[in-house]
Amino acid sequence: MPLPLPGAQPLASWYATSANRQLDCPPLQGTVEADVCIVGGGFTGVNTAIELARRGLSVVLLEAGEIGWGASGRNGGQLIRGVGHGLDQFSHQLGEDGVRTLKLMGLEAVEMVRQRVAEFAIDCDLTWGYADLANKPKHLDDFRAEREELQALGYTHDMQLLEADQVHQIVQSDVYAGAMTDMGSGHLHPLNLLLGEAAAAQQLGARLHQHSRVERIEHGTTVKVHTASGTVSAKQLVLACNAYLQDLQPELSGKILPAGSYVIATEPLDEARARRLIPQNMALCDQRVALDYYRFSADYRLVFGGACHYSGRDPKDVAAYMRPKMLRVFPELTDVRIEYQWAGMIGIGANRLPQIGQLDEHPNVFYAQAYAGHGVNATHLAAKILGEAISGQASRGFELFSQVPHITFPGGKYLRTPLLALGMAWVQLKEVF
């Protein structure tokens, strides 16, 4: 039997309490047929539904909880350029041209979100402006090299390098050695984005079912997907569960490590104070493995997250765990209440490249997962790639992503998490020196 949904938190996120629409997505009942069944109601699943419905395919989407219950509705809301990490490592498999194409796709992915918001008039507080923060002076050298590469790729958005004595232009904190700003990235309310996209998918004809957890899959020319109260018979299947896949398809779940990430939201600050702390209202992120990422919401709450955990155990009190990290950056916020705290699981692959492809043994089963914490844009790219491949359209993206092999984490489902936690502890120790 499948395990209970992991990562359930007793306290609602600020996103859930500030959602601006309700969806009518009743649980699946009885037997239905579709061209494509999608499992997972996050950004990947919902946007794949949009892509396929637009191409005239009938789509049924099944979500175990509610639309956006997982990382798509709980993340930090940062919309950052790029897809994957260290893409040059794949040049021996994809060639220099293939790697360059992936890099361009990482820029295109942000534009996909921009276009989705505009097309469907989605109210999600989309705000442009982002900065990478240097924890050490050597990070500035990395920023310079990245800016040069982006300019060579034709990236047109303004990017500025800031030395340590200029950092206060974007954040009122003394802990950083510099920064690089990017006006082509930004931040948004992720759950409201997803809810708007889900409504769009329904308008296009996709059938969405919440509280319809998949218990069993029968593979074959026709795939049968079973929930507690119904069955979907489909020609093709998309697994879009990411860190919440569990044992539904073991050959995929072994290639992804669920890692905990934690977020707090303060009470609303007055606008003047918020503008002083983050003068240009940017999203910000540092360079550590257990990174800090933060921004202000539209009602001037500081949304502060990070502390990526590989141990499989969440802190008992997320606010108590995250508050000292927030105060390290902003010591003056000792008088500010934490009003929301929540956690969620992100999916990480060994090589930090999103995994997009189809099963060798069951070629009518497609998947996308392992966004390594940068899923707001990468999921939209994955959905486009899946839509092209499933509808029979030639897809350069699907071809490239499918060529990259992904290892299965060692140790099996019981040992892979503690083994990786030990390895990441070593990486974090090296950051100190």
Protein backbone atom coordinates (compact mmCIF):
# COMPACT_ATOMS: atom_id res chain seq x y z
CA MET A 1 0.00 0.00 0.00
CA PRO A 2 1.25 3.54 -0.68
CA LEU A 3 2.57 5.47 2.28
CA PRO A 4 0.69 8.49 3.67
CA LEU A 5 1.46 11.77 1.98
CA PRO A 6 4.80 13.03 3.38
CA GLY A 7 5.52 16.55 4.50
CA ALA A 8 2.07 17.30 5.89
CA GLN A 9 2.27 20.31 8.17
CA PRO A 10 -0.12 21.23 10.99
CA LEU A 11 -0.03 24.93 10.12
CA ALA A 12 -1.30 26.35 6.86
CA SER A 13 1.08 28.31 4.70
CA TRP A 14 0.53 32.00 4.06
CA TYR A 15 -0.07 31.07 0.43
CA ALA A 16 -2.98 28.80 1.34
CA THR A 17 -4.64 31.46 3.48
CA SER A 18 -4.18 34.15 0.81
CA ALA A 19 -5.28 32.07 -2.18
CA ASN A 20 -7.49 34.18 -4.43
CA ARG A 21 -9.67 31.50 -6.00
CA GLN A 22 -11.35 28.17 -5.32
CA LEU A 23 -11.39 25.32 -7.81
CA ASP A 24 -14.13 22.79 -8.48
CA CYS A 25 -12.13 19.57 -8.83
CA PRO A 26 -14.21 16.73 -7.33
CA PRO A 27 -12.61 13.35 -6.52
CA LEU A 28 -12.54 10.84 -9.35
CA GLN A 29 -15.59 8.59 -9.37
CA GLY A 30 -16.12 5.53 -11.55
CA THR A 31 -14.31 4.65 -14.75
CA VAL A 32 -13.31 7.31 -17.26
CA GLU A 33 -11.25 7.32 -20.44
CA ALA A 34 -8.75 9.85 -21.74
CA ASP A 35 -5.95 10.21 -24.20
CA VAL A 36 -3.61 11.13 -21.36
CA CYS A 37 -3.77 10.67 -17.59
CA ILE A 38 -1.57 12.97 -15.52
CA VAL A 39 -0.65 12.14 -11.93
CA GLY A 40 0.27 15.22 -9.90
CA GLY A 41 -1.43 18.59 -9.54
CA GLY A 42 1.60 20.85 -9.33
CA PHE A 43 3.14 23.14 -11.94
CA THR A 44 4.34 20.23 -14.08
CA GLY A 45 1.05 18.38 -14.17
CA VAL A 46 -1.22 21.38 -14.58
CA ASN A 47 0.88 22.98 -17.31
CA THR A 48 1.23 19.67 -19.13
CA ALA A 49 -2.57 19.51 -19.06
CA ILE A 50 -2.67 22.96 -20.66
CA GLU A 51 -0.17 21.97 -23.35
CA LEU A 52 -2.02 18.75 -24.22
CA ALA A 53 -5.53 20.18 -24.10
CA ARG A 54 -4.43 22.90 -26.49
CA ARG A 55 -3.30 20.20 -28.88
CA GLY A 56 -6.73 18.61 -28.83
CA LEU A 57 -6.00 15.68 -26.51
CA SER A 58 -8.41 14.65 -23.75
CA VAL A 59 -6.76 14.91 -20.35
CA VAL A 60 -7.58 13.68 -16.85
CA LEU A 61 -5.39 14.91 -14.00
CA LEU A 62 -5.32 13.21 -10.59
CA GLU A 63 -4.04 14.95 -7.46
CA ALA A 64 -3.71 13.14 -4.14
CA GLY A 65 -4.31 16.26 -2.07
CA GLU A 66 -5.36 19.62 -3.47
CA ILE A 67 -3.96 21.45 -6.48
CA GLY A 68 -0.67 22.97 -5.31
CA TRP A 69 -0.48 20.86 -2.14
CA GLY A 70 3.18 20.01 -2.77
CA ALA A 71 6.18 22.16 -3.60
CA SER A 72 4.37 24.13 -6.31
CA GLY A 73 2.09 25.75 -3.73
CA ARG A 74 4.57 26.04 -0.86
CA ASN A 75 7.85 27.27 -2.35
CA GLY A 76 9.59 30.58 -1.83
CA GLY A 77 7.96 32.16 -4.87
CA GLN A 78 11.24 32.94 -6.62
CA LEU A 79 11.23 32.93 -10.40
CA ILE A 80 14.89 32.57 -11.39
CA ARG A 81 16.53 32.20 -14.79
CA GLY A 82 18.15 28.93 -15.74
CA VAL A 83 17.48 25.22 -15.60
CA GLY A 84 19.81 22.74 -13.93
CA HIS A 85 23.18 23.35 -12.33
CA GLY A 86 26.59 23.23 -13.99
CA LEU A 87 25.28 22.43 -17.46
CA ASP A 88 28.76 22.28 -18.99
CA GLN A 89 29.23 18.89 -17.30
CA PHE A 90 26.88 17.41 -19.91
CA SER A 91 28.91 18.50 -22.94
CA HIS A 92 30.33 14.98 -23.46
CA GLN A 93 26.77 13.67 -23.84
CA LEU A 94 25.06 16.56 -25.57
CA GLY A 95 27.91 18.41 -27.26
CA GLU A 96 28.55 22.11 -26.90
CA ASP A 97 25.56 22.96 -29.08
CA GLY A 98 23.27 20.81 -26.94
CA VAL A 99 24.48 22.44 -23.74
CA ARG A 100 24.00 25.87 -25.26
CA THR A 101 20.45 24.92 -26.20
CA LEU A 102 19.73 23.89 -22.59
CA LYS A 103 21.08 27.21 -21.36
CA LEU A 104 18.81 29.09 -23.75
CA MET A 105 15.87 26.97 -22.62
CA GLY A 106 16.59 28.05 -19.06
CA LEU A 107 16.06 31.65 -20.14
CA GLU A 108 13.02 30.78 -22.24
CA ALA A 109 11.41 29.06 -19.24
CA VAL A 110 11.05 32.34 -17.34
CA GLU A 111 9.45 33.92 -20.38
CA MET A 112 6.95 31.03 -20.45
CA VAL A 113 5.77 32.02 -17.00
CA ARG A 114 5.58 35.68 -18.02
CA GLN A 115 3.45 34.73 -21.04
CA ARG A 116 1.20 32.38 -19.03
CA VAL A 117 0.42 35.13 -16.53
CA ALA A 118 -0.35 37.60 -19.31
CA GLU A 119 -2.41 35.23 -21.45
CA PHE A 120 -4.75 34.14 -18.69
CA ALA A 121 -4.63 37.41 -16.69
CA ILE A 122 -3.49 35.55 -13.57
CA ASP A 123 -3.33 37.65 -10.42
CA CYS A 124 -0.20 36.30 -8.72
CA ASP A 125 1.76 39.42 -7.66
CA LEU A 126 4.40 38.90 -10.37
CA THR A 127 7.26 41.30 -9.62
CA TRP A 128 10.51 41.63 -11.55
CA GLY A 129 13.90 41.90 -9.87
CA TYR A 130 16.18 39.29 -8.29
CA ALA A 131 19.68 39.19 -6.82
CA ASP A 132 22.23 36.48 -6.13
CA LEU A 133 24.08 37.28 -2.90
CA ALA A 134 27.77 36.52 -2.42
CA ASN A 135 28.70 34.84 0.85
CA LYS A 136 32.40 35.08 -0.03
CA PRO A 137 34.41 37.43 -2.29
CA LYS A 138 35.12 34.55 -4.67
CA HIS A 139 31.41 34.33 -5.44
CA LEU A 140 31.74 37.68 -7.21
CA ASP A 141 34.16 36.07 -9.68
CA ASP A 142 31.52 33.43 -10.36
CA PHE A 143 28.93 36.14 -10.90
CA ARG A 144 31.17 37.98 -13.38
CA ALA A 145 31.69 34.81 -15.39
CA GLU A 146 27.98 34.05 -15.38
CA ARG A 147 27.05 37.54 -16.50
CA GLU A 148 29.52 37.32 -19.39
CA GLU A 149 28.08 33.97 -20.42
CA LEU A 150 24.50 35.24 -20.26
CA GLN A 151 25.40 38.27 -22.34
CA ALA A 152 27.04 35.97 -24.89
CA LEU A 153 23.80 33.96 -25.02
CA GLY A 154 21.91 37.13 -25.89
CA TYR A 155 20.33 37.74 -22.50
CA THR A 156 18.91 41.25 -22.74
CA HIS A 157 17.78 41.95 -19.18
CA ASP A 158 19.78 44.34 -17.05
CA MET A 159 22.32 42.71 -14.72
CA GLN A 160 24.53 44.62 -12.31
CA LEU A 161 27.48 43.52 -10.16
CA LEU A 162 27.60 45.08 -6.69
CA GLU A 163 30.63 45.09 -4.44
CA ALA A 164 30.31 44.66 -0.67
CA ASP A 165 30.01 48.40 -0.08
CA GLN A 166 27.14 48.59 -2.62
CA VAL A 167 24.99 45.72 -1.33
CA HIS A 168 22.81 48.07 0.72
CA GLN A 169 21.36 49.26 -2.58
CA ILE A 170 19.35 46.02 -2.63
CA VAL A 171 19.36 44.64 0.93
CA GLN A 172 19.90 46.32 4.30
CA SER A 173 22.21 43.64 5.70
CA ASP A 174 25.90 43.44 6.52
CA VAL A 175 26.47 39.74 5.96
CA TYR A 176 27.19 39.71 2.22
CA ALA A 177 30.37 40.19 0.19
CA GLY A 178 28.58 41.41 -2.93
CA ALA A 179 25.72 40.63 -5.27
CA MET A 180 24.55 40.37 -8.85
CA THR A 181 21.13 41.73 -9.76
CA ASP A 182 18.95 40.45 -12.59
CA MET A 183 15.85 42.25 -13.81
CA GLY A 184 14.82 39.27 -15.92
CA SER A 185 14.04 37.16 -12.86
CA GLY A 186 11.72 37.97 -9.99
CA HIS A 187 9.11 36.67 -7.58
CA LEU A 188 5.39 35.85 -7.32
CA HIS A 189 2.65 34.14 -5.31
CA PRO A 190 3.19 30.56 -6.54
CA LEU A 191 -0.10 29.08 -5.38
CA ASN A 192 -2.14 31.82 -7.02
CA LEU A 193 -0.16 31.31 -10.22
CA LEU A 194 -0.92 27.59 -10.14
CA LEU A 195 -4.59 28.05 -9.29
CA GLY A 196 -4.93 30.42 -12.22
CA GLU A 197 -3.24 27.91 -14.50
CA ALA A 198 -5.47 25.10 -13.22
CA ALA A 199 -8.55 27.18 -14.02
CA ALA A 200 -7.12 27.76 -17.50
CA ALA A 201 -6.58 24.01 -17.96
CA GLN A 202 -10.21 23.40 -17.05
CA GLN A 203 -11.35 26.06 -19.50
CA LEU A 204 -9.40 24.22 -22.20
CA GLY A 205 -11.21 21.00 -21.40
CA ALA A 206 -8.89 19.16 -19.01
CA ARG A 207 -10.63 17.29 -16.18
CA LEU A 208 -8.95 17.86 -12.80
CA HIS A 209 -9.65 15.71 -9.75
CA GLN A 210 -8.44 16.53 -6.25
CA HIS A 211 -8.34 14.07 -3.34
CA SER A 212 -7.80 11.29 -5.87
CA ARG A 213 -4.67 9.55 -4.76
CA VAL A 214 -3.33 6.95 -7.18
CA GLU A 215 -3.03 3.57 -5.49
CA ARG A 216 -2.02 1.39 -8.40
CA ILE A 217 -0.98 1.55 -12.05
CA GLU A 218 -1.63 -1.22 -14.57
CA HIS A 219 0.78 -0.87 -17.45
CA GLY A 220 0.00 -1.90 -20.99
CA THR A 221 -1.01 -0.48 -24.36
CA THR A 222 -3.80 1.13 -22.39
CA VAL A 223 -2.68 2.31 -18.96
CA LYS A 224 -5.16 1.90 -16.11
CA VAL A 225 -4.68 4.24 -13.18
CA HIS A 226 -6.58 3.28 -10.04
CA THR A 227 -7.68 5.48 -7.16
CA ALA A 228 -9.82 4.47 -4.18
CA SER A 229 -13.02 5.43 -5.99
CA GLY A 230 -12.27 5.30 -9.69
CA THR A 231 -10.11 4.28 -12.64
CA VAL A 232 -8.69 6.21 -15.58
CA SER A 233 -7.98 4.29 -18.78
CA ALA A 234 -5.57 6.23 -20.96
CA LYS A 235 -3.32 5.77 -23.95
CA GLN A 236 -0.50 7.63 -22.24
CA LEU A 237 0.47 8.47 -18.68
CA VAL A 238 2.45 11.39 -17.23
CA LEU A 239 4.01 11.06 -13.77
CA ALA A 240 4.43 14.57 -12.38
CA CYS A 241 4.80 13.85 -8.67
CA ASN A 242 8.43 14.92 -8.17
CA ALA A 243 9.42 14.49 -4.48
CA TYR A 244 6.04 12.91 -3.67
CA LEU A 245 6.28 10.00 -6.11
CA GLN A 246 7.27 7.52 -3.39
CA ASP A 247 6.84 3.87 -4.51
CA LEU A 248 4.35 4.54 -7.29
CA GLN A 249 7.09 3.98 -9.88
CA PRO A 250 10.22 2.74 -8.04
CA GLU A 251 12.61 3.08 -10.99
CA LEU A 252 11.90 6.82 -10.96
CA SER A 253 11.65 7.43 -7.22
CA GLY A 254 15.12 5.97 -6.72
CA LYS A 255 16.58 8.69 -8.94
CA ILE A 256 15.23 11.54 -6.86
CA LEU A 257 15.90 12.52 -3.29
CA PRO A 258 13.14 14.34 -1.39
CA ALA A 259 14.69 17.15 0.64
CA GLY A 260 12.92 19.35 3.16
CA SER A 261 12.79 23.12 2.74
CA TYR A 262 11.26 25.49 5.29
CA VAL A 263 9.57 28.86 5.08
CA ILE A 264 8.29 31.45 7.52
CA ALA A 265 6.24 34.58 6.91
CA THR A 266 6.20 37.51 9.30
CA GLU A 267 3.36 39.78 10.21
CA PRO A 268 2.95 42.61 7.66
CA LEU A 269 5.54 45.37 8.05
CA ASP A 270 4.79 48.96 7.23
CA GLU A 271 5.75 49.78 3.66
CA ALA A 272 8.53 52.23 4.59
CA ARG A 273 10.27 49.65 6.76
CA ALA A 274 9.96 46.95 4.12
CA ARG A 275 11.34 49.27 1.42
CA ARG A 276 14.30 50.13 3.63
CA LEU A 277 15.17 46.46 4.20
CA ILE A 278 14.85 45.48 0.53
CA PRO A 279 14.91 48.83 -1.31
CA GLN A 280 14.15 47.50 -4.80
CA ASN A 281 11.63 44.84 -3.71
CA MET A 282 13.74 42.05 -5.16
CA ALA A 283 13.83 38.35 -4.41
CA LEU A 284 17.21 37.41 -2.94
CA CYS A 285 19.16 34.20 -2.51
CA ASP A 286 22.62 33.41 -1.15
CA GLN A 287 25.11 30.82 -2.43
CA ARG A 288 25.34 28.25 0.37
CA VAL A 289 24.13 24.65 0.13
CA ALA A 290 21.71 25.25 3.02
CA LEU A 291 20.84 28.56 1.45
CA ASP A 292 18.66 31.47 2.57
CA TYR A 293 16.11 32.85 0.13
CA TYR A 294 13.70 35.65 0.90
CA ARG A 295 11.50 38.45 -0.42
CA PHE A 296 8.54 40.59 0.56
CA SER A 297 4.98 39.60 -0.27
CA ALA A 298 2.53 42.07 -1.75
CA ASP A 299 1.28 42.91 1.76
CA TYR A 300 4.86 43.41 3.03
CA ARG A 301 5.38 40.19 4.93
CA LEU A 302 8.94 38.96 4.86
CA VAL A 303 8.79 35.48 3.34
CA PHE A 304 12.02 33.82 4.45
CA GLY A 305 13.01 30.28 3.55
CA GLY A 306 15.82 27.83 3.14
CA ALA A 307 17.78 25.40 5.31
CA CYS A 308 17.47 22.55 2.81
CA HIS A 309 17.44 19.31 4.83
CA TYR A 310 18.45 15.88 3.55
CA SER A 311 17.86 14.04 6.82
CA GLY A 312 14.20 13.21 6.17
CA ARG A 313 13.21 14.76 9.52
CA ASP A 314 11.52 18.15 9.73
CA PRO A 315 12.16 20.49 12.66
CA LYS A 316 9.45 20.23 15.31
CA ASP A 317 9.03 24.01 15.25
CA VAL A 318 9.82 25.52 11.86
CA ALA A 319 9.51 29.10 13.13
CA ALA A 320 11.94 28.50 15.99
CA TYR A 321 14.34 26.89 13.55
CA MET A 322 14.15 29.59 10.87
CA ARG A 323 13.86 32.73 13.00
CA PRO A 324 17.59 32.84 13.97
CA LYS A 325 18.48 32.58 10.29
CA MET A 326 16.22 35.52 9.50
CA LEU A 327 17.70 37.56 12.39
CA ARG A 328 21.22 36.83 11.19
CA VAL A 329 20.32 38.68 7.98
CA PHE A 330 18.02 41.28 9.55
CA PRO A 331 18.93 41.69 13.27
CA GLU A 332 16.48 44.57 13.64
CA LEU A 333 13.47 42.27 13.20
CA THR A 334 13.54 40.97 16.77
CA ASP A 335 10.25 42.76 17.43
CA VAL A 336 8.46 41.19 14.46
CA ARG A 337 6.08 38.24 14.90
CA ILE A 338 6.23 35.11 12.77
CA GLU A 339 2.63 34.50 11.74
CA TYR A 340 3.06 31.53 9.38
CA GLN A 341 5.42 28.58 9.20
CA TRP A 342 5.41 25.66 6.82
CA ALA A 343 7.57 23.02 5.17
CA GLY A 344 7.61 21.03 1.97
CA MET A 345 9.65 18.58 -0.05
CA ILE A 346 11.69 19.46 -3.11
CA GLY A 347 13.10 16.81 -5.44
CA ILE A 348 16.82 16.65 -6.14
CA GLY A 349 18.67 14.45 -8.63
CA ALA A 350 22.32 13.50 -8.34
CA ASN A 351 23.46 15.71 -11.23
CA ARG A 352 21.03 18.58 -10.51
CA LEU A 353 19.50 18.43 -14.01
CA PRO A 354 15.72 18.04 -14.34
CA GLN A 355 14.78 14.51 -15.36
CA ILE A 356 12.45 14.49 -18.36
CA GLY A 357 11.79 11.38 -20.40
CA GLN A 358 9.80 8.18 -20.84
CA LEU A 359 10.18 4.75 -19.28
CA ASP A 360 12.18 2.25 -21.31
CA GLU A 361 9.95 -0.66 -20.35
CA HIS A 362 6.74 1.34 -20.74
CA PRO A 363 7.27 3.94 -23.50
CA ASN A 364 3.75 5.32 -23.11
CA VAL A 365 4.69 6.54 -19.62
CA PHE A 366 6.32 9.98 -19.50
CA TYR A 367 7.75 11.82 -16.51
CA ALA A 368 9.36 15.02 -15.32
CA GLN A 369 10.95 15.55 -11.91
CA ALA A 370 14.04 16.65 -9.92
CA TYR A 371 14.01 20.43 -10.28
CA ALA A 372 16.46 20.92 -7.39
CA GLY A 373 14.63 23.89 -5.90
CA HIS A 374 14.29 25.91 -9.12
CA GLY A 375 11.01 24.48 -10.27
CA VAL A 376 8.81 27.52 -10.84
CA ASN A 377 10.26 28.09 -14.30
CA ALA A 378 11.72 24.62 -15.01
CA THR A 379 8.32 22.96 -14.55
CA HIS A 380 6.83 25.15 -17.24
CA LEU A 381 9.64 24.19 -19.60
CA ALA A 382 9.15 20.51 -18.75
CA ALA A 383 5.43 20.79 -19.47
CA LYS A 384 6.07 22.27 -22.90
CA ILE A 385 8.59 19.54 -23.69
CA LEU A 386 6.20 16.81 -22.54
CA GLY A 387 3.35 18.33 -24.53
CA GLU A 388 5.45 18.29 -27.68
CA ALA A 389 6.64 14.71 -27.19
CA ILE A 390 3.27 13.21 -26.24
CA SER A 391 1.46 14.88 -29.13
CA GLY A 392 4.03 13.55 -31.60
CA GLN A 393 5.62 16.92 -32.27
CA ALA A 394 9.38 16.96 -32.81
CA SER A 395 10.98 18.17 -29.58
CA ARG A 396 14.60 19.19 -29.37
CA GLY A 397 14.18 19.57 -25.61
CA PHE A 398 12.86 16.05 -25.11
CA GLU A 399 15.69 14.66 -27.20
CA LEU A 400 18.32 16.49 -25.15
CA PHE A 401 16.95 15.72 -21.70
CA SER A 402 16.41 12.08 -22.60
CA GLN A 403 20.07 11.66 -23.54
CA VAL A 404 21.33 12.42 -20.04
CA PRO A 405 21.44 9.34 -17.77
CA HIS A 406 20.44 9.70 -14.12
CA ILE A 407 21.86 7.46 -11.45
CA THR A 408 19.82 5.78 -8.77
CA PHE A 409 20.82 6.98 -5.31
CA PRO A 410 22.65 4.22 -3.41
CA GLY A 411 21.37 2.62 -0.25
CA GLY A 412 17.77 1.89 -1.22
CA LYS A 413 14.83 3.90 0.05
CA TYR A 414 15.82 3.45 3.71
CA LEU A 415 19.53 4.34 3.48
CA ARG A 416 19.75 6.81 0.59
CA THR A 417 18.55 9.73 2.72
CA PRO A 418 21.00 9.30 5.65
CA LEU A 419 23.86 8.61 3.25
CA LEU A 420 23.21 11.81 1.33
CA ALA A 421 22.70 13.76 4.55
CA LEU A 422 26.19 12.69 5.61
CA GLY A 423 27.62 13.75 2.26
CA MET A 424 25.90 17.13 2.33
CA ALA A 425 27.14 17.73 5.86
CA TRP A 426 30.66 17.36 4.49
CA VAL A 427 29.91 19.84 1.68
CA GLN A 428 28.55 22.34 4.20
CA LEU A 429 31.63 21.91 6.38
CA LYS A 430 33.85 22.76 3.42
CA GLU A 431 31.89 25.99 2.88
CA VAL A 432 33.28 27.27 6.16
CA PHE A 433 36.83 27.15 4.90
